Protein backbone atom coordinates (compact mmCIF):
# COMPACT_ATOMS: atom_id res chain seq x y z
CA MET A 1 -84.16 114.08 -181.60
CA TYR A 2 -84.88 113.06 -177.98
CA ILE A 3 -82.65 114.42 -175.21
CA GLY A 4 -83.48 113.70 -171.58
CA GLU A 5 -87.15 114.66 -171.03
CA SER A 6 -87.39 116.98 -174.04
CA CYS A 7 -88.07 116.19 -177.66
CA TYR A 8 -86.58 118.51 -180.30
CA ALA A 9 -87.54 118.12 -183.94
CA THR A 10 -84.79 119.03 -186.42
CA LEU A 11 -84.36 119.31 -190.18
CA LYS A 12 -82.87 115.79 -190.17
CA ASP A 13 -85.98 114.12 -188.76
CA THR A 14 -87.16 112.63 -192.05
CA ILE A 15 -86.66 108.89 -191.55
CA ILE A 16 -89.73 106.93 -192.61
CA TYR A 17 -91.19 104.74 -189.82
CA ARG A 18 -89.02 106.49 -187.24
CA ASN A 19 -89.73 110.23 -187.53
CA ILE A 20 -92.36 110.27 -190.28
CA PHE A 21 -95.12 107.70 -190.58
CA PRO A 22 -97.01 107.40 -193.88
CA PHE A 23 -100.60 108.57 -193.78
CA ARG A 24 -103.41 106.04 -193.82
CA CYS A 25 -104.86 107.34 -197.03
CA ASN A 26 -104.52 107.22 -200.79
CA CYS A 27 -102.08 109.65 -202.37
CA ARG A 28 -103.73 112.17 -204.71
CA HIS A 29 -100.95 111.49 -207.21
CA LYS A 30 -101.35 108.07 -208.80
CA ALA A 31 -98.47 105.61 -209.04
CA ASP A 32 -96.52 106.54 -212.16
CA ARG A 33 -93.52 104.23 -211.96
CA LYS A 34 -93.41 100.50 -212.59
CA SER A 35 -91.75 99.88 -209.22
CA GLU A 36 -94.52 101.80 -207.43
CA ILE A 37 -97.26 99.89 -209.25
CA GLU A 38 -95.59 96.58 -208.37
CA ARG A 39 -95.35 97.52 -204.67
CA ILE A 40 -99.05 98.28 -204.61
CA LYS A 41 -99.97 95.07 -206.48
CA ASN A 42 -97.85 92.99 -204.10
CA ASN A 43 -99.53 94.56 -201.05
CA ILE A 44 -103.03 95.12 -202.37
CA ALA A 45 -104.83 93.88 -199.22
CA ASP A 46 -102.87 96.28 -197.00
CA CYS A 47 -103.45 99.12 -199.47
CA ARG A 48 -107.19 98.54 -199.41
CA GLU A 49 -107.21 98.84 -195.62
CA ASN A 50 -104.57 101.52 -195.00
CA GLY A 51 -104.13 103.30 -198.36
CA VAL A 52 -101.20 103.51 -200.77
CA CYS A 53 -99.26 106.37 -199.15
CA GLN A 54 -96.88 104.02 -197.37
CA TYR A 55 -95.84 102.48 -200.72
CA LEU A 56 -95.47 105.76 -202.60
CA ILE A 57 -93.98 108.15 -200.02
CA CYS A 58 -90.53 109.43 -200.99
CA LEU A 59 -89.31 112.20 -198.70
CA ASN A 60 -86.60 114.82 -199.16
CA GLU A 61 -83.56 114.23 -196.98
CA GLU A 62 -84.27 117.37 -194.91
CA TRP A 63 -87.10 119.73 -193.97
CA ASP A 64 -87.00 123.20 -195.51
CA ASN A 65 -86.96 126.28 -193.28
CA MET A 66 -87.92 129.75 -194.45
CA LEU A 67 -85.17 132.34 -194.70
CA LEU A 68 -85.19 134.70 -191.73
CA SER A 69 -84.67 138.46 -192.01
CA ASP A 70 -82.49 140.82 -189.96
CA GLY A 71 -79.80 138.21 -189.43
CA LYS A 72 -82.00 136.03 -187.24
CA THR A 73 -81.26 132.29 -187.04
CA TYR A 74 -83.14 129.17 -186.02
CA GLN A 75 -82.51 127.43 -182.72
CA MET A 76 -79.89 124.70 -183.10
CA HIS A 77 -80.15 121.24 -181.52
CA ARG A 78 -77.83 118.28 -181.27
CA ASN A 79 -78.83 115.54 -183.70
CA ILE A 80 -77.71 111.91 -183.45
CA LYS A 81 -76.88 110.37 -186.82
CA ALA A 82 -76.25 106.64 -187.35
CA VAL A 83 -73.17 105.90 -189.45
CA ASP A 84 -71.40 102.83 -190.77
CA SER A 85 -69.84 100.84 -187.97
CA VAL A 86 -66.27 102.05 -187.94
CA SER A 87 -64.15 102.10 -184.81
CA GLY A 88 -63.92 105.64 -183.50
CA ALA A 89 -66.57 106.95 -185.88
CA GLY A 90 -68.70 108.35 -183.09
CA TRP A 91 -70.60 107.63 -179.93
CA ILE A 92 -72.03 104.17 -179.39
CA LEU A 93 -75.75 104.18 -178.52
CA GLY A 94 -77.61 100.90 -178.30
CA GLY A 95 -74.97 99.16 -180.39
CA ILE A 96 -75.06 101.76 -183.20
CA ASP A 97 -72.11 103.93 -184.20
CA THR A 98 -73.23 107.56 -184.27
CA GLU A 99 -72.10 111.07 -185.05
CA ILE A 100 -73.29 114.16 -183.20
CA GLU A 101 -74.10 117.26 -185.23
CA ASP A 102 -75.80 120.61 -184.64
CA VAL A 103 -78.91 121.00 -186.78
CA GLU A 104 -81.61 123.67 -187.14
CA GLY A 105 -84.86 122.93 -185.36
CA ILE A 106 -88.13 122.98 -187.25
CA THR A 107 -91.01 125.38 -186.58
CA ARG A 108 -94.65 125.71 -187.60
CA THR A 109 -93.45 127.25 -190.89
CA SER A 110 -91.16 124.35 -191.86
CA VAL A 111 -92.07 122.13 -194.81
CA LEU A 112 -91.04 118.59 -195.75
CA PHE A 113 -91.59 117.77 -199.43
CA CYS A 114 -92.48 114.35 -200.78
CA LYS A 115 -90.94 113.62 -204.18
CA HIS A 116 -94.12 111.83 -205.20
CA GLY A 117 -96.05 115.05 -204.72
CA GLY A 118 -97.45 116.87 -201.74
CA LEU A 119 -95.88 118.18 -198.56
CA ILE A 120 -95.90 117.72 -194.79
CA VAL A 121 -96.19 120.57 -192.28
CA PRO A 122 -95.85 120.37 -188.47
CA LEU A 123 -98.89 120.64 -186.20
CA THR A 124 -96.67 121.89 -183.34
CA SER A 125 -93.30 123.62 -183.22
CA GLY A 126 -91.53 120.40 -182.28
CA GLN A 127 -89.54 122.19 -179.58
CA GLU A 128 -91.74 121.46 -176.60
CA ASN A 129 -91.25 119.36 -173.47
CA ASN A 130 -92.32 115.81 -174.21
CA GLY A 131 -93.24 114.48 -170.78
CA GLY A 132 -95.83 114.77 -168.04
CA GLU A 133 -99.42 115.98 -168.13
CA ASP A 134 -98.67 119.00 -170.34
CA GLY A 135 -97.16 116.64 -172.91
CA GLU A 136 -100.27 114.46 -172.82
CA GLU A 137 -102.67 117.38 -173.31
CA GLN A 138 -101.30 118.25 -176.75
CA TYR A 139 -102.12 114.76 -178.04
CA LYS A 140 -105.76 114.68 -176.96
CA ASN A 141 -106.79 116.06 -180.35
CA ASP A 142 -105.42 112.92 -182.01
CA VAL A 143 -108.20 111.34 -184.10
CA ARG A 144 -107.54 107.92 -182.54
CA TYR A 145 -108.02 109.37 -179.06
CA GLN A 146 -111.21 111.09 -180.15
CA ARG A 147 -112.58 107.80 -181.54
CA LEU A 148 -111.61 106.04 -178.31
CA LEU A 149 -113.52 108.65 -176.29
CA ILE A 150 -116.64 108.07 -178.38
CA GLU A 151 -116.33 104.29 -178.10
CA ALA A 152 -115.73 104.44 -174.33
CA GLU A 153 -118.88 106.52 -173.91
CA ARG A 154 -120.84 104.11 -176.11
CA ARG A 155 -119.70 101.09 -174.11
CA LYS A 156 -120.63 102.46 -170.68
CA GLY A 157 -122.87 99.97 -168.93
CA ASN A 158 -121.87 97.19 -171.32
CA ILE A 159 -118.24 96.75 -170.28
CA GLU A 160 -116.42 96.84 -166.97
CA GLU A 161 -115.91 100.41 -165.72
CA TYR A 162 -112.28 99.76 -164.77
CA LYS A 163 -111.46 98.99 -168.40
CA ILE A 164 -112.90 102.31 -169.53
CA GLU A 165 -110.99 104.18 -166.83
CA PHE A 166 -107.78 102.40 -167.78
CA VAL A 167 -107.90 103.10 -171.51
CA LEU A 168 -108.75 106.77 -170.94
CA GLU A 169 -105.82 107.10 -168.56
CA VAL A 170 -103.23 105.26 -170.61
CA PHE A 171 -103.90 106.32 -174.21
CA PRO A 172 -102.62 109.93 -173.90
CA LYS A 173 -99.44 108.57 -172.30
CA ILE A 174 -99.03 106.16 -175.20
CA LEU A 175 -99.46 108.96 -177.75
CA VAL A 176 -96.70 110.92 -176.01
CA ASP A 177 -94.48 107.86 -176.17
CA GLU A 178 -95.30 107.28 -179.84
CA ALA A 179 -93.93 110.75 -180.62
CA ARG A 180 -90.79 109.94 -178.64
CA SER A 181 -90.06 106.41 -179.78
CA GLY A 182 -91.84 105.95 -183.10
CA ILE A 183 -93.60 102.80 -181.87
CA PRO A 184 -97.22 102.88 -183.16
CA ALA A 185 -99.66 103.75 -180.39
CA GLU A 186 -101.94 100.93 -181.57
CA ILE A 187 -99.26 98.34 -180.79
CA THR A 188 -98.44 99.74 -177.35
CA PHE A 189 -102.14 100.10 -176.54
CA GLY A 190 -103.04 96.59 -177.64
CA GLN A 191 -100.19 95.08 -175.68
CA ILE A 192 -100.70 97.05 -172.47
CA CYS A 193 -104.38 96.11 -172.36
CA LEU A 194 -103.59 92.44 -173.01
CA GLU A 195 -100.47 92.00 -170.90
CA SER A 196 -101.80 93.87 -167.85
CA SER A 197 -105.45 92.80 -168.19
CA TYR A 198 -106.41 96.47 -168.37
CA GLY A 199 -104.18 97.43 -165.46
CA GLY A 200 -105.28 94.60 -163.20
CA GLU A 201 -102.06 92.58 -163.45
CA THR A 202 -98.86 94.59 -163.06
CA CYS A 203 -96.51 91.92 -161.70
CA VAL A 204 -96.93 91.97 -157.91
CA ASP A 205 -94.19 89.93 -156.20
CA ILE A 206 -95.64 86.68 -154.78
CA ASN A 207 -93.19 86.80 -151.86
CA THR A 208 -93.03 90.48 -150.87
CA GLY A 209 -96.22 91.97 -152.31
CA ILE A 210 -94.19 94.70 -154.05
CA ASN A 211 -95.86 96.08 -157.18
CA GLY A 212 -93.52 95.89 -160.15
CA TYR A 213 -95.59 98.33 -162.27
CA ASN A 214 -94.79 96.01 -165.18
CA TYR A 215 -97.62 96.52 -167.67
CA PHE A 216 -96.14 94.47 -170.51
CA GLY A 217 -95.00 91.21 -168.90
CA ILE A 218 -91.33 91.87 -169.71
CA LYS A 219 -89.01 89.48 -167.93
CA GLY A 220 -85.62 90.31 -166.44
CA ILE A 221 -84.28 93.18 -164.34
CA GLY A 222 -85.72 96.67 -164.70
CA PRO A 223 -84.93 100.14 -163.31
CA ALA A 224 -86.44 99.12 -159.95
CA GLY A 225 -85.00 95.59 -159.91
CA SER A 226 -87.19 92.54 -160.42
CA VAL A 227 -90.26 90.83 -158.96
CA THR A 228 -91.18 87.15 -158.84
CA CYS A 229 -94.63 86.39 -160.24
CA ASN A 230 -96.93 83.61 -161.35
CA THR A 231 -97.56 83.47 -165.07
CA SER A 232 -98.29 81.02 -167.85
CA GLU A 233 -96.84 80.23 -171.26
CA GLU A 234 -98.22 78.40 -174.25
CA ILE A 235 -96.25 75.20 -174.80
CA SER A 236 -97.32 72.79 -177.56
CA GLY A 237 -100.70 74.49 -177.69
CA ASN A 238 -101.32 74.21 -173.95
CA LYS A 239 -101.11 76.90 -171.24
CA VAL A 240 -98.57 75.89 -168.63
CA PRO A 241 -98.31 77.75 -165.27
CA ILE A 242 -94.79 78.89 -164.32
CA VAL A 243 -93.03 81.21 -161.87
CA ASP A 244 -90.55 83.72 -163.29
CA ASP A 245 -88.77 87.02 -162.59
CA PHE A 246 -90.09 90.17 -164.25
CA ARG A 247 -88.71 93.67 -164.65
CA ALA A 248 -89.80 96.15 -161.96
CA TYR A 249 -90.47 99.85 -162.58
CA ASN A 250 -91.21 102.95 -160.55
CA SER A 251 -94.26 104.01 -162.55
CA MET A 252 -96.54 103.25 -165.49
CA ASP A 253 -94.73 105.88 -167.59
CA GLU A 254 -91.40 104.17 -166.99
CA SER A 255 -92.88 100.82 -167.98
CA ILE A 256 -94.28 102.25 -171.23
CA GLN A 257 -90.97 103.87 -172.15
CA ASP A 258 -88.95 100.73 -171.46
CA HIS A 259 -91.37 98.65 -173.52
CA SER A 260 -90.96 100.96 -176.53
CA ASP A 261 -87.18 101.02 -176.16
CA LEU A 262 -87.23 97.22 -176.14
CA LEU A 263 -89.28 97.10 -179.35
CA VAL A 264 -86.97 99.58 -181.08
CA LYS A 265 -83.89 97.62 -180.06
CA TYR A 266 -85.01 94.05 -180.75
CA TYR A 267 -88.14 94.03 -182.93
CA GLN A 268 -87.86 96.97 -185.32
CA GLN A 269 -85.38 94.94 -187.38
CA TYR A 270 -88.27 92.74 -188.57
CA ILE A 271 -90.36 95.68 -189.85
CA THR A 272 -90.95 95.94 -193.60
CA THR A 273 -94.01 98.15 -194.18
CA GLY A 274 -94.54 99.68 -190.75
CA SER A 275 -98.26 98.87 -190.70
CA ILE A 276 -99.94 97.71 -187.50
CA GLU A 277 -100.21 94.18 -188.90
CA ASP A 278 -96.51 94.30 -189.79
CA TRP A 279 -95.62 95.24 -186.22
CA CYS A 280 -97.75 92.36 -184.91
CA ASP A 281 -95.86 90.00 -187.21
CA ALA A 282 -92.56 91.46 -185.95
CA LEU A 283 -93.56 90.68 -182.35
CA ASN A 284 -94.28 87.08 -183.35
CA MET A 285 -91.04 86.77 -185.32
CA GLY A 286 -89.04 88.14 -182.39
CA GLY A 287 -90.75 85.80 -179.93
CA TYR A 288 -92.32 88.49 -177.72
CA ALA A 289 -95.17 86.19 -176.67
CA THR A 290 -95.82 82.47 -176.79
CA ALA A 291 -99.55 82.77 -177.66
CA SER A 292 -100.10 81.55 -181.22
CA ASN A 293 -102.94 84.05 -181.74
CA TYR A 294 -101.09 87.07 -180.32
CA LYS A 295 -101.53 89.14 -183.49
CA GLU A 296 -105.29 88.58 -183.52
CA LEU A 297 -105.50 89.48 -179.82
CA ILE A 298 -103.72 92.83 -180.34
CA LEU A 299 -105.81 93.74 -183.37
CA GLY A 300 -108.94 92.68 -181.50
CA VAL A 301 -108.23 95.09 -178.63
CA CYS A 302 -107.61 97.94 -181.08
CA ARG A 303 -110.85 97.25 -182.91
CA THR A 304 -112.77 96.97 -179.63
CA TRP A 305 -111.85 100.58 -178.84
CA ASP A 306 -112.13 101.75 -182.48
CA ILE A 307 -108.55 103.03 -182.82
CA ILE A 308 -108.17 100.99 -186.01
CA GLN A 309 -110.79 100.28 -188.66
């Protein structure tokens, strides 16, 4: 549950592809139901690359907390629950009818069971501030970030220094946002590198020189208004130069957050498996970019920096 600048994990945070993302591995318990076997057969290429967990995972509806002694209780947090669209059912957030409820937070001792076998435990308490440099520090142990560090060191002298500086700056911010929004870091990373040319193109107004801090090429009006910029679009296989208005932001962090909110609102509806390839397909289906090879470009960036295999 995200409130303001703080992220609070609760017992209700068990929604696959929103709160919990399947592991990129093979489950130790083999598929034992016909429906599970069929899902794997129908997605065999994806399973070979990312494992079968995403097709077998079946989570309990809530985390389990240990019983506390001496009358102690867990910290309670407000949880937003989507409900059927009925007038007056609850608050309206982003076009979704919701109910507000108080739910126990999770701790390092909480456990979420998978009905297919196995369990999930938190790496952090889930009750920490989710923004700023302190928020970024806790994600620097992420295996993808560690691989990126190794690859950045390996590429020194063979790739422009500004690209290395950019990816090292932006990836911790993206990992923080992934925890907040649920948008895979690989997607955000691939897009921010492509759309901003590794931070070199952030939508500077051609008339005023104002920097829009727009790292994703999102058009329209943003928190800081809009900026007019030169760009190009692919029309009938040809790149055509155009001038258009783009959203303006006050910072890189604000641009990253708005991008993820946009994907949740307009593109998540196309998601089926939640894999990186699936998200790339969702961007194409939703018309995020006009480039016909946009999926290959995103995956190419991720492979360049070794955050996907």
